[in-house]
Amino acid sequence: MTTGIDLHPDDLEARLRLRDALVSRRLDAGLTTRQLGSRLHISARCVWTMERRTSSRAGLYLAWARALDATVGLRLRGLPAVPDDAYMNGLRKLTPITPGHADRIRLKLLAAELRLARVQAGLRAEDVGARIGVSASAVVQNENFDPAQMRLAIYQRTARAIGGRLDIRVHAGRRHLEVAA
């Protein structure tokens, strides 16, 4: 499977700004990489690495923000409203057991919304895969597998491929930083 390329330059910029906002939040809180790693149950070396990457798993960004008493908001824009299907209705009724479980539900809803928007746009998985540089089976796997494991860049590319975009915001108390438009 090949790796895709960003369909719009703003997507890479958004991931860089998200990463920078989270690094800044860690520094403002006076936390070392070891202390943040302890909160995330990963090593200081892993924290150091994730603070230098441009694309990490979506679930990691959500957990990273949560460890810093912030949240990452992900919202699809520019796509026609899609009616919820039974699967999405079921997800919306779930009561999260842990904050990590709530993150998983949010990402599963986002993946389901992307799938419904793709179908409503009349696009097959093959069409989207060709646009983002992955196989059709990878598109279906991204829609149905564990969305927390999917890279944030794939969410962005998929949204662009079906005619929309993914807005990303970091919320910390009353403040929020929009990192993608």
N, C-alpha and C. Protein backbone atom coordinates (compact mmCIF):
# COMPACT_ATOMS: atom_id res chain seq x y z
N MET A 1 0.85 -1.17 0.00
CA MET A 1 0.00 0.00 0.00
C MET A 1 0.90 1.23 0.00
N THR A 2 0.58 2.19 -0.85
CA THR A 2 1.35 3.41 -0.89
C THR A 2 0.80 4.41 0.13
N THR A 3 1.65 5.33 0.52
CA THR A 3 1.17 6.38 1.42
C THR A 3 0.71 7.56 0.58
N GLY A 4 -0.34 8.19 1.00
CA GLY A 4 -0.91 9.29 0.25
C GLY A 4 -0.16 10.58 0.50
N ILE A 5 -0.53 11.57 -0.29
CA ILE A 5 0.03 12.90 -0.13
C ILE A 5 -1.09 13.82 0.31
N ASP A 6 -0.73 14.92 0.94
CA ASP A 6 -1.74 15.89 1.34
C ASP A 6 -2.38 16.48 0.10
N LEU A 7 -3.70 16.57 0.10
CA LEU A 7 -4.42 17.12 -1.04
C LEU A 7 -4.49 18.64 -1.00
N HIS A 8 -4.13 19.23 0.12
CA HIS A 8 -4.17 20.68 0.27
C HIS A 8 -3.05 21.08 1.23
N PRO A 9 -2.31 22.16 0.92
CA PRO A 9 -1.20 22.55 1.80
C PRO A 9 -1.64 22.92 3.21
N ASP A 10 -2.88 23.35 3.38
CA ASP A 10 -3.36 23.70 4.71
C ASP A 10 -3.41 22.50 5.65
N ASP A 11 -3.51 21.28 5.10
CA ASP A 11 -3.62 20.10 5.95
C ASP A 11 -2.33 19.86 6.74
N LEU A 12 -1.18 19.93 6.07
CA LEU A 12 0.08 19.77 6.78
C LEU A 12 0.25 20.90 7.79
N GLU A 13 -0.06 22.12 7.38
CA GLU A 13 0.04 23.27 8.28
C GLU A 13 -0.82 23.08 9.52
N ALA A 14 -2.00 22.52 9.35
CA ALA A 14 -2.90 22.29 10.48
C ALA A 14 -2.29 21.28 11.46
N ARG A 15 -1.70 20.22 10.93
CA ARG A 15 -1.09 19.23 11.82
C ARG A 15 0.12 19.82 12.55
N LEU A 16 0.89 20.65 11.86
CA LEU A 16 2.03 21.31 12.51
C LEU A 16 1.56 22.26 13.61
N ARG A 17 0.50 23.00 13.34
CA ARG A 17 -0.02 23.93 14.34
C ARG A 17 -0.62 23.17 15.52
N LEU A 18 -1.29 22.05 15.26
CA LEU A 18 -1.83 21.23 16.35
C LEU A 18 -0.68 20.73 17.23
N ARG A 19 0.32 20.17 16.59
CA ARG A 19 1.48 19.68 17.34
C ARG A 19 2.11 20.81 18.15
N ASP A 20 2.33 21.96 17.51
CA ASP A 20 2.96 23.08 18.20
C ASP A 20 2.12 23.59 19.36
N ALA A 21 0.80 23.60 19.19
CA ALA A 21 -0.09 24.05 20.27
C ALA A 21 0.01 23.10 21.47
N LEU A 22 0.10 21.80 21.20
CA LEU A 22 0.18 20.83 22.29
C LEU A 22 1.56 20.89 22.97
N VAL A 23 2.61 21.09 22.19
CA VAL A 23 3.94 21.23 22.79
C VAL A 23 3.97 22.49 23.65
N SER A 24 3.43 23.58 23.14
CA SER A 24 3.37 24.83 23.90
C SER A 24 2.58 24.66 25.19
N ARG A 25 1.50 23.92 25.11
CA ARG A 25 0.67 23.68 26.31
C ARG A 25 1.47 22.89 27.35
N ARG A 26 2.26 21.91 26.90
CA ARG A 26 3.09 21.14 27.83
C ARG A 26 4.12 22.05 28.50
N LEU A 27 4.77 22.88 27.70
CA LEU A 27 5.79 23.77 28.25
C LEU A 27 5.18 24.79 29.20
N ASP A 28 4.00 25.34 28.84
CA ASP A 28 3.32 26.30 29.72
C ASP A 28 2.95 25.66 31.06
N ALA A 29 2.64 24.37 31.02
CA ALA A 29 2.27 23.66 32.25
C ALA A 29 3.51 23.27 33.07
N GLY A 30 4.70 23.49 32.51
CA GLY A 30 5.93 23.17 33.22
C GLY A 30 6.21 21.68 33.28
N LEU A 31 5.65 20.91 32.34
CA LEU A 31 5.85 19.46 32.34
C LEU A 31 7.06 19.07 31.49
N THR A 32 7.81 18.11 31.97
CA THR A 32 8.89 17.55 31.18
C THR A 32 8.32 16.47 30.27
N THR A 33 9.10 16.01 29.32
CA THR A 33 8.64 14.91 28.46
C THR A 33 8.42 13.65 29.30
N ARG A 34 9.21 13.47 30.33
CA ARG A 34 9.04 12.30 31.20
C ARG A 34 7.70 12.36 31.94
N GLN A 35 7.36 13.56 32.45
CA GLN A 35 6.09 13.71 33.18
C GLN A 35 4.89 13.51 32.25
N LEU A 36 4.95 14.08 31.04
CA LEU A 36 3.86 13.88 30.09
C LEU A 36 3.79 12.40 29.70
N GLY A 37 4.94 11.79 29.48
CA GLY A 37 4.97 10.37 29.16
C GLY A 37 4.31 9.52 30.23
N SER A 38 4.54 9.89 31.48
CA SER A 38 3.92 9.17 32.60
C SER A 38 2.40 9.28 32.53
N ARG A 39 1.90 10.46 32.18
CA ARG A 39 0.44 10.64 32.06
C ARG A 39 -0.14 9.84 30.89
N LEU A 40 0.66 9.69 29.83
CA LEU A 40 0.19 8.97 28.64
C LEU A 40 0.57 7.48 28.66
N HIS A 41 1.33 7.08 29.68
CA HIS A 41 1.80 5.70 29.80
C HIS A 41 2.72 5.31 28.64
N ILE A 42 3.58 6.26 28.27
CA ILE A 42 4.60 6.02 27.25
C ILE A 42 5.91 6.59 27.76
N SER A 43 7.00 6.28 27.08
CA SER A 43 8.31 6.76 27.53
C SER A 43 8.52 8.22 27.14
N ALA A 44 9.49 8.84 27.80
CA ALA A 44 9.87 10.22 27.47
C ALA A 44 10.36 10.28 26.02
N ARG A 45 11.03 9.23 25.58
CA ARG A 45 11.53 9.16 24.19
C ARG A 45 10.35 9.18 23.21
N CYS A 46 9.28 8.48 23.53
CA CYS A 46 8.09 8.49 22.66
C CYS A 46 7.47 9.90 22.61
N VAL A 47 7.44 10.58 23.75
CA VAL A 47 6.92 11.96 23.78
C VAL A 47 7.81 12.84 22.91
N TRP A 48 9.11 12.71 23.06
CA TRP A 48 10.06 13.49 22.26
C TRP A 48 9.80 13.25 20.78
N THR A 49 9.58 12.02 20.39
CA THR A 49 9.33 11.68 18.99
C THR A 49 8.02 12.27 18.51
N MET A 50 6.95 12.12 19.28
CA MET A 50 5.64 12.61 18.83
C MET A 50 5.62 14.13 18.74
N GLU A 51 6.45 14.80 19.53
CA GLU A 51 6.51 16.26 19.47
C GLU A 51 7.26 16.75 18.23
N ARG A 52 7.83 15.85 17.48
CA ARG A 52 8.56 16.22 16.28
C ARG A 52 7.93 15.69 15.00
N ARG A 53 6.91 14.88 15.10
CA ARG A 53 6.23 14.32 13.92
C ARG A 53 5.21 15.30 13.35
N THR A 54 4.87 15.08 12.09
CA THR A 54 3.83 15.90 11.46
C THR A 54 2.52 15.16 11.32
N SER A 55 2.54 13.86 11.54
CA SER A 55 1.30 13.12 11.45
C SER A 55 1.35 11.92 12.38
N SER A 56 0.53 11.97 13.39
CA SER A 56 0.42 10.85 14.32
C SER A 56 -1.00 10.31 14.29
N ARG A 57 -1.19 9.21 14.99
CA ARG A 57 -2.53 8.63 15.07
C ARG A 57 -3.48 9.64 15.71
N ALA A 58 -4.68 9.69 15.18
CA ALA A 58 -5.68 10.64 15.68
C ALA A 58 -5.94 10.43 17.17
N GLY A 59 -6.01 9.17 17.59
CA GLY A 59 -6.26 8.87 18.99
C GLY A 59 -5.15 9.39 19.90
N LEU A 60 -3.92 9.41 19.40
CA LEU A 60 -2.81 9.92 20.19
C LEU A 60 -2.95 11.42 20.41
N TYR A 61 -3.36 12.17 19.37
CA TYR A 61 -3.56 13.61 19.54
C TYR A 61 -4.63 13.88 20.61
N LEU A 62 -5.70 13.10 20.60
CA LEU A 62 -6.77 13.32 21.58
C LEU A 62 -6.28 13.00 22.99
N ALA A 63 -5.55 11.90 23.14
CA ALA A 63 -5.02 11.53 24.46
C ALA A 63 -3.98 12.55 24.93
N TRP A 64 -3.15 13.01 24.01
CA TRP A 64 -2.12 14.00 24.32
C TRP A 64 -2.77 15.26 24.88
N ALA A 65 -3.80 15.75 24.19
CA ALA A 65 -4.50 16.96 24.67
C ALA A 65 -5.14 16.70 26.03
N ARG A 66 -5.77 15.55 26.19
CA ARG A 66 -6.45 15.23 27.45
C ARG A 66 -5.45 15.21 28.60
N ALA A 67 -4.22 14.70 28.35
CA ALA A 67 -3.19 14.66 29.39
C ALA A 67 -2.75 16.07 29.79
N LEU A 68 -3.04 17.04 28.94
CA LEU A 68 -2.69 18.44 29.22
C LEU A 68 -3.92 19.27 29.59
N ASP A 69 -4.99 18.59 30.00
CA ASP A 69 -6.24 19.25 30.38
C ASP A 69 -6.81 20.11 29.25
N ALA A 70 -6.76 19.59 28.05
CA ALA A 70 -7.31 20.26 26.87
C ALA A 70 -8.05 19.21 26.04
N THR A 71 -8.73 19.64 25.02
CA THR A 71 -9.38 18.71 24.09
C THR A 71 -9.07 19.15 22.66
N VAL A 72 -9.15 18.19 21.76
CA VAL A 72 -9.00 18.47 20.34
C VAL A 72 -10.37 18.29 19.71
N GLY A 73 -10.87 19.34 19.08
CA GLY A 73 -12.14 19.27 18.37
C GLY A 73 -11.90 18.97 16.90
N LEU A 74 -12.59 17.98 16.38
CA LEU A 74 -12.49 17.61 14.96
C LEU A 74 -13.88 17.74 14.35
N ARG A 75 -14.01 18.54 13.31
CA ARG A 75 -15.32 18.74 12.69
C ARG A 75 -15.17 18.79 11.17
N LEU A 76 -16.04 18.05 10.49
CA LEU A 76 -16.06 18.08 9.03
C LEU A 76 -16.77 19.34 8.57
N ARG A 77 -16.22 19.98 7.55
CA ARG A 77 -16.82 21.19 6.98
C ARG A 77 -16.90 21.03 5.46
N GLY A 78 -17.84 21.75 4.89
CA GLY A 78 -17.93 21.79 3.43
C GLY A 78 -18.56 20.57 2.80
N LEU A 79 -19.14 19.71 3.60
CA LEU A 79 -19.81 18.53 3.06
C LEU A 79 -21.30 18.66 3.34
N PRO A 80 -22.14 18.13 2.45
CA PRO A 80 -23.57 18.19 2.74
C PRO A 80 -23.88 17.39 4.00
N ALA A 81 -24.87 17.86 4.73
CA ALA A 81 -25.28 17.15 5.94
C ALA A 81 -25.74 15.74 5.56
N VAL A 82 -25.27 14.78 6.32
CA VAL A 82 -25.67 13.40 6.06
C VAL A 82 -26.56 12.93 7.19
N PRO A 83 -27.64 12.24 6.84
CA PRO A 83 -28.51 11.72 7.89
C PRO A 83 -27.80 10.58 8.63
N ASP A 84 -28.00 10.53 9.93
CA ASP A 84 -27.42 9.44 10.72
C ASP A 84 -28.02 8.12 10.27
N ASP A 85 -27.19 7.11 10.25
CA ASP A 85 -27.70 5.76 10.02
C ASP A 85 -27.81 5.07 11.38
N ALA A 86 -28.25 3.84 11.37
CA ALA A 86 -28.45 3.11 12.63
C ALA A 86 -27.14 2.98 13.41
N TYR A 87 -26.05 2.78 12.69
CA TYR A 87 -24.75 2.64 13.35
C TYR A 87 -24.39 3.94 14.09
N MET A 88 -24.55 5.09 13.43
CA MET A 88 -24.22 6.37 14.07
C MET A 88 -25.15 6.64 15.24
N ASN A 89 -26.43 6.34 15.08
CA ASN A 89 -27.36 6.52 16.20
C ASN A 89 -26.95 5.68 17.40
N GLY A 90 -26.52 4.47 17.14
CA GLY A 90 -26.06 3.60 18.21
C GLY A 90 -24.84 4.16 18.91
N LEU A 91 -23.89 4.70 18.13
CA LEU A 91 -22.69 5.30 18.72
C LEU A 91 -23.05 6.50 19.59
N ARG A 92 -23.97 7.32 19.12
CA ARG A 92 -24.35 8.53 19.86
C ARG A 92 -25.00 8.19 21.20
N LYS A 93 -25.60 7.00 21.31
CA LYS A 93 -26.28 6.61 22.54
C LYS A 93 -25.33 5.97 23.56
N LEU A 94 -24.11 5.67 23.15
CA LEU A 94 -23.16 5.04 24.07
C LEU A 94 -22.76 6.00 25.18
N THR A 95 -22.59 5.46 26.35
CA THR A 95 -22.09 6.24 27.48
C THR A 95 -20.64 5.84 27.70
N PRO A 96 -19.71 6.77 27.49
CA PRO A 96 -18.29 6.42 27.64
C PRO A 96 -17.96 6.02 29.08
N ILE A 97 -17.13 5.00 29.19
CA ILE A 97 -16.71 4.51 30.49
C ILE A 97 -15.49 5.28 30.98
N THR A 98 -14.60 5.62 30.06
CA THR A 98 -13.37 6.35 30.39
C THR A 98 -13.20 7.49 29.38
N PRO A 99 -12.34 8.44 29.66
CA PRO A 99 -12.07 9.48 28.66
C PRO A 99 -11.52 8.90 27.35
N GLY A 100 -10.70 7.88 27.45
CA GLY A 100 -10.18 7.23 26.24
C GLY A 100 -11.29 6.60 25.42
N HIS A 101 -12.28 6.03 26.09
CA HIS A 101 -13.44 5.45 25.41
C HIS A 101 -14.23 6.54 24.70
N ALA A 102 -14.36 7.70 25.33
CA ALA A 102 -15.06 8.83 24.71
C ALA A 102 -14.32 9.26 23.44
N ASP A 103 -12.98 9.27 23.47
CA ASP A 103 -12.20 9.62 22.29
C ASP A 103 -12.48 8.64 21.16
N ARG A 104 -12.51 7.34 21.49
CA ARG A 104 -12.77 6.31 20.48
C ARG A 104 -14.14 6.50 19.84
N ILE A 105 -15.14 6.81 20.65
CA ILE A 105 -16.49 7.02 20.12
C ILE A 105 -16.49 8.22 19.19
N ARG A 106 -15.83 9.31 19.59
CA ARG A 106 -15.76 10.50 18.73
C ARG A 106 -15.12 10.18 17.39
N LEU A 107 -14.04 9.41 17.40
CA LEU A 107 -13.37 9.07 16.15
C LEU A 107 -14.18 8.10 15.31
N LYS A 108 -14.89 7.17 15.96
CA LYS A 108 -15.77 6.27 15.20
C LYS A 108 -16.90 7.04 14.54
N LEU A 109 -17.43 8.05 15.23
CA LEU A 109 -18.47 8.90 14.63
C LEU A 109 -17.91 9.68 13.44
N LEU A 110 -16.70 10.19 13.57
CA LEU A 110 -16.08 10.92 12.47
C LEU A 110 -15.87 10.00 11.26
N ALA A 111 -15.37 8.79 11.49
CA ALA A 111 -15.17 7.83 10.40
C ALA A 111 -16.51 7.46 9.75
N ALA A 112 -17.55 7.27 10.57
CA ALA A 112 -18.87 6.94 10.02
C ALA A 112 -19.42 8.10 9.21
N GLU A 113 -19.21 9.32 9.69
CA GLU A 113 -19.68 10.49 8.96
C GLU A 113 -18.96 10.62 7.61
N LEU A 114 -17.66 10.34 7.59
CA LEU A 114 -16.92 10.36 6.33
C LEU A 114 -17.44 9.30 5.37
N ARG A 115 -17.72 8.10 5.89
CA ARG A 115 -18.24 7.02 5.04
C ARG A 115 -19.58 7.41 4.45
N LEU A 116 -20.48 7.95 5.28
CA LEU A 116 -21.79 8.35 4.78
C LEU A 116 -21.68 9.48 3.76
N ALA A 117 -20.78 10.43 3.99
CA ALA A 117 -20.59 11.53 3.04
C ALA A 117 -20.04 11.00 1.72
N ARG A 118 -19.13 10.03 1.79
CA ARG A 118 -18.59 9.42 0.57
C ARG A 118 -19.68 8.75 -0.23
N VAL A 119 -20.52 7.98 0.45
CA VAL A 119 -21.61 7.28 -0.23
C VAL A 119 -22.61 8.28 -0.81
N GLN A 120 -22.94 9.30 -0.03
CA GLN A 120 -23.89 10.31 -0.51
C GLN A 120 -23.35 11.06 -1.72
N ALA A 121 -22.03 11.24 -1.78
CA ALA A 121 -21.41 11.92 -2.92
C ALA A 121 -21.31 11.01 -4.14
N GLY A 122 -21.72 9.75 -3.97
CA GLY A 122 -21.69 8.81 -5.09
C GLY A 122 -20.29 8.29 -5.39
N LEU A 123 -19.41 8.35 -4.41
CA LEU A 123 -18.04 7.87 -4.61
C LEU A 123 -17.87 6.48 -4.04
N ARG A 124 -17.16 5.66 -4.78
CA ARG A 124 -16.82 4.32 -4.30
C ARG A 124 -15.51 4.40 -3.51
N ALA A 125 -15.23 3.39 -2.75
CA ALA A 125 -13.96 3.34 -2.00
C ALA A 125 -12.78 3.42 -2.98
N GLU A 126 -12.93 2.83 -4.16
CA GLU A 126 -11.88 2.88 -5.17
C GLU A 126 -11.61 4.31 -5.60
N ASP A 127 -12.68 5.11 -5.76
CA ASP A 127 -12.53 6.51 -6.17
C ASP A 127 -11.75 7.32 -5.14
N VAL A 128 -12.15 7.17 -3.88
CA VAL A 128 -11.47 7.91 -2.81
C VAL A 128 -10.04 7.41 -2.67
N GLY A 129 -9.84 6.11 -2.73
CA GLY A 129 -8.49 5.55 -2.63
C GLY A 129 -7.57 6.10 -3.70
N ALA A 130 -8.07 6.20 -4.93
CA ALA A 130 -7.26 6.75 -6.02
C ALA A 130 -6.90 8.20 -5.76
N ARG A 131 -7.81 8.95 -5.16
CA ARG A 131 -7.56 10.37 -4.89
C ARG A 131 -6.56 10.59 -3.76
N ILE A 132 -6.54 9.68 -2.79
CA ILE A 132 -5.64 9.89 -1.64
C ILE A 132 -4.41 8.98 -1.66
N GLY A 133 -4.29 8.16 -2.71
CA GLY A 133 -3.08 7.35 -2.87
C GLY A 133 -3.03 6.09 -2.06
N VAL A 134 -4.19 5.48 -1.77
CA VAL A 134 -4.23 4.20 -1.07
C VAL A 134 -5.17 3.27 -1.80
N SER A 135 -5.17 2.01 -1.43
CA SER A 135 -6.07 1.05 -2.07
C SER A 135 -7.50 1.21 -1.56
N ALA A 136 -8.43 0.66 -2.34
CA ALA A 136 -9.84 0.69 -1.92
C ALA A 136 -10.03 -0.04 -0.61
N SER A 137 -9.32 -1.15 -0.43
CA SER A 137 -9.47 -1.90 0.82
C SER A 137 -8.96 -1.08 2.01
N ALA A 138 -7.94 -0.24 1.79
CA ALA A 138 -7.46 0.62 2.87
C ALA A 138 -8.52 1.66 3.25
N VAL A 139 -9.25 2.17 2.26
CA VAL A 139 -10.32 3.13 2.54
C VAL A 139 -11.39 2.47 3.39
N VAL A 140 -11.81 1.28 2.99
CA VAL A 140 -12.84 0.55 3.74
C VAL A 140 -12.34 0.21 5.13
N GLN A 141 -11.09 -0.22 5.23
CA GLN A 141 -10.53 -0.54 6.55
C GLN A 141 -10.50 0.70 7.43
N ASN A 142 -10.13 1.85 6.87
CA ASN A 142 -10.11 3.09 7.65
C ASN A 142 -11.51 3.47 8.12
N GLU A 143 -12.52 3.17 7.33
CA GLU A 143 -13.89 3.49 7.71
C GLU A 143 -14.45 2.55 8.76
N ASN A 144 -13.95 1.32 8.78
CA ASN A 144 -14.56 0.29 9.62
C ASN A 144 -13.69 -0.24 10.75
N PHE A 145 -12.40 -0.05 10.66
CA PHE A 145 -11.50 -0.64 11.64
C PHE A 145 -11.48 0.21 12.91
N ASP A 146 -10.35 0.40 13.50
CA ASP A 146 -10.22 1.19 14.72
C ASP A 146 -9.78 2.60 14.35
N PRO A 147 -10.72 3.56 14.34
CA PRO A 147 -10.38 4.91 13.90
C PRO A 147 -9.32 5.59 14.75
N ALA A 148 -9.14 5.17 15.99
CA ALA A 148 -8.12 5.79 16.84
C ALA A 148 -6.72 5.48 16.32
N GLN A 149 -6.58 4.38 15.57
CA GLN A 149 -5.29 4.00 15.01
C GLN A 149 -4.99 4.72 13.69
N MET A 150 -6.01 5.33 13.09
CA MET A 150 -5.83 6.00 11.81
C MET A 150 -5.10 7.32 12.02
N ARG A 151 -4.22 7.64 11.13
CA ARG A 151 -3.49 8.89 11.21
C ARG A 151 -4.41 10.06 10.90
N LEU A 152 -4.18 11.15 11.60
CA LEU A 152 -4.98 12.35 11.40
C LEU A 152 -4.93 12.78 9.94
N ALA A 153 -3.79 12.61 9.30
CA ALA A 153 -3.65 12.98 7.88
C ALA A 153 -4.63 12.22 7.00
N ILE A 154 -4.94 10.97 7.33
CA ILE A 154 -5.89 10.19 6.52
C ILE A 154 -7.28 10.77 6.64
N TYR A 155 -7.68 11.18 7.84
CA TYR A 155 -8.97 11.85 8.00
C TYR A 155 -9.02 13.11 7.12
N GLN A 156 -7.92 13.89 7.15
CA GLN A 156 -7.87 15.11 6.37
C GLN A 156 -7.96 14.81 4.87
N ARG A 157 -7.18 13.86 4.40
CA ARG A 157 -7.16 13.52 2.97
C ARG A 157 -8.51 13.00 2.51
N THR A 158 -9.12 12.16 3.33
CA THR A 158 -10.42 11.61 2.96
C THR A 158 -11.46 12.71 2.85
N ALA A 159 -11.48 13.62 3.81
CA ALA A 159 -12.43 14.74 3.76
C ALA A 159 -12.21 15.57 2.50
N ARG A 160 -10.96 15.85 2.15
CA ARG A 160 -10.66 16.62 0.93
C ARG A 160 -11.09 15.86 -0.31
N ALA A 161 -10.86 14.54 -0.31
CA ALA A 161 -11.18 13.73 -1.49
C ALA A 161 -12.67 13.71 -1.79
N ILE A 162 -13.50 13.90 -0.77
CA ILE A 162 -14.95 13.90 -1.01
C ILE A 162 -15.52 15.31 -1.02
N GLY A 163 -14.62 16.31 -1.07
CA GLY A 163 -15.07 17.68 -1.28
C GLY A 163 -15.21 18.55 -0.04
N GLY A 164 -14.68 18.10 1.08
CA GLY A 164 -14.79 18.89 2.31
C GLY A 164 -13.43 19.12 2.93
N ARG A 165 -13.42 19.42 4.20
CA ARG A 165 -12.18 19.60 4.95
C ARG A 165 -12.44 19.24 6.41
N LEU A 166 -11.38 19.00 7.12
CA LEU A 166 -11.46 18.68 8.55
C LEU A 166 -10.92 19.87 9.33
N ASP A 167 -11.78 20.52 10.10
CA ASP A 167 -11.35 21.61 10.99
C ASP A 167 -10.84 21.00 12.29
N ILE A 168 -9.75 21.56 12.78
CA ILE A 168 -9.13 21.07 14.00
C ILE A 168 -8.97 22.25 14.95
N ARG A 169 -9.42 22.06 16.19
CA ARG A 169 -9.27 23.09 17.22
C ARG A 169 -8.75 22.46 18.49
N VAL A 170 -7.96 23.23 19.21
CA VAL A 170 -7.53 22.82 20.55
C VAL A 170 -8.29 23.69 21.53
N HIS A 171 -9.00 23.06 22.44
CA HIS A 171 -9.77 23.77 23.46
C HIS A 171 -9.09 23.56 24.81
N ALA A 172 -8.83 24.67 25.49
CA ALA A 172 -8.24 24.60 26.83
C ALA A 172 -8.95 25.63 27.68
N GLY A 173 -9.87 25.17 28.50
CA GLY A 173 -10.67 26.09 29.31
C GLY A 173 -11.54 26.94 28.40
N ARG A 174 -11.47 28.25 28.57
CA ARG A 174 -12.25 29.16 27.73
C ARG A 174 -11.55 29.49 26.43
N ARG A 175 -10.28 29.17 26.35
CA ARG A 175 -9.50 29.49 25.16
C ARG A 175 -9.59 28.36 24.15
N HIS A 176 -9.56 28.72 22.88
CA HIS A 176 -9.41 27.71 21.86
C HIS A 176 -8.56 28.28 20.74
N LEU A 177 -7.84 27.40 20.08
CA LEU A 177 -7.00 27.77 18.97
C LEU A 177 -7.46 26.99 17.77
N GLU A 178 -7.87 27.70 16.73
CA GLU A 178 -8.25 27.01 15.50
C GLU A 178 -6.97 26.75 14.75
N VAL A 179 -6.70 25.48 14.48
CA VAL A 179 -5.46 25.14 13.82
C VAL A 179 -5.66 24.78 12.36
N ALA A 180 -6.89 24.68 11.91
CA ALA A 180 -7.15 24.40 10.49
C ALA A 180 -8.44 25.06 10.07
N ALA A 181 -8.42 25.63 8.89
CA ALA A 181 -9.63 26.25 8.36
C ALA A 181 -10.07 25.55 7.09
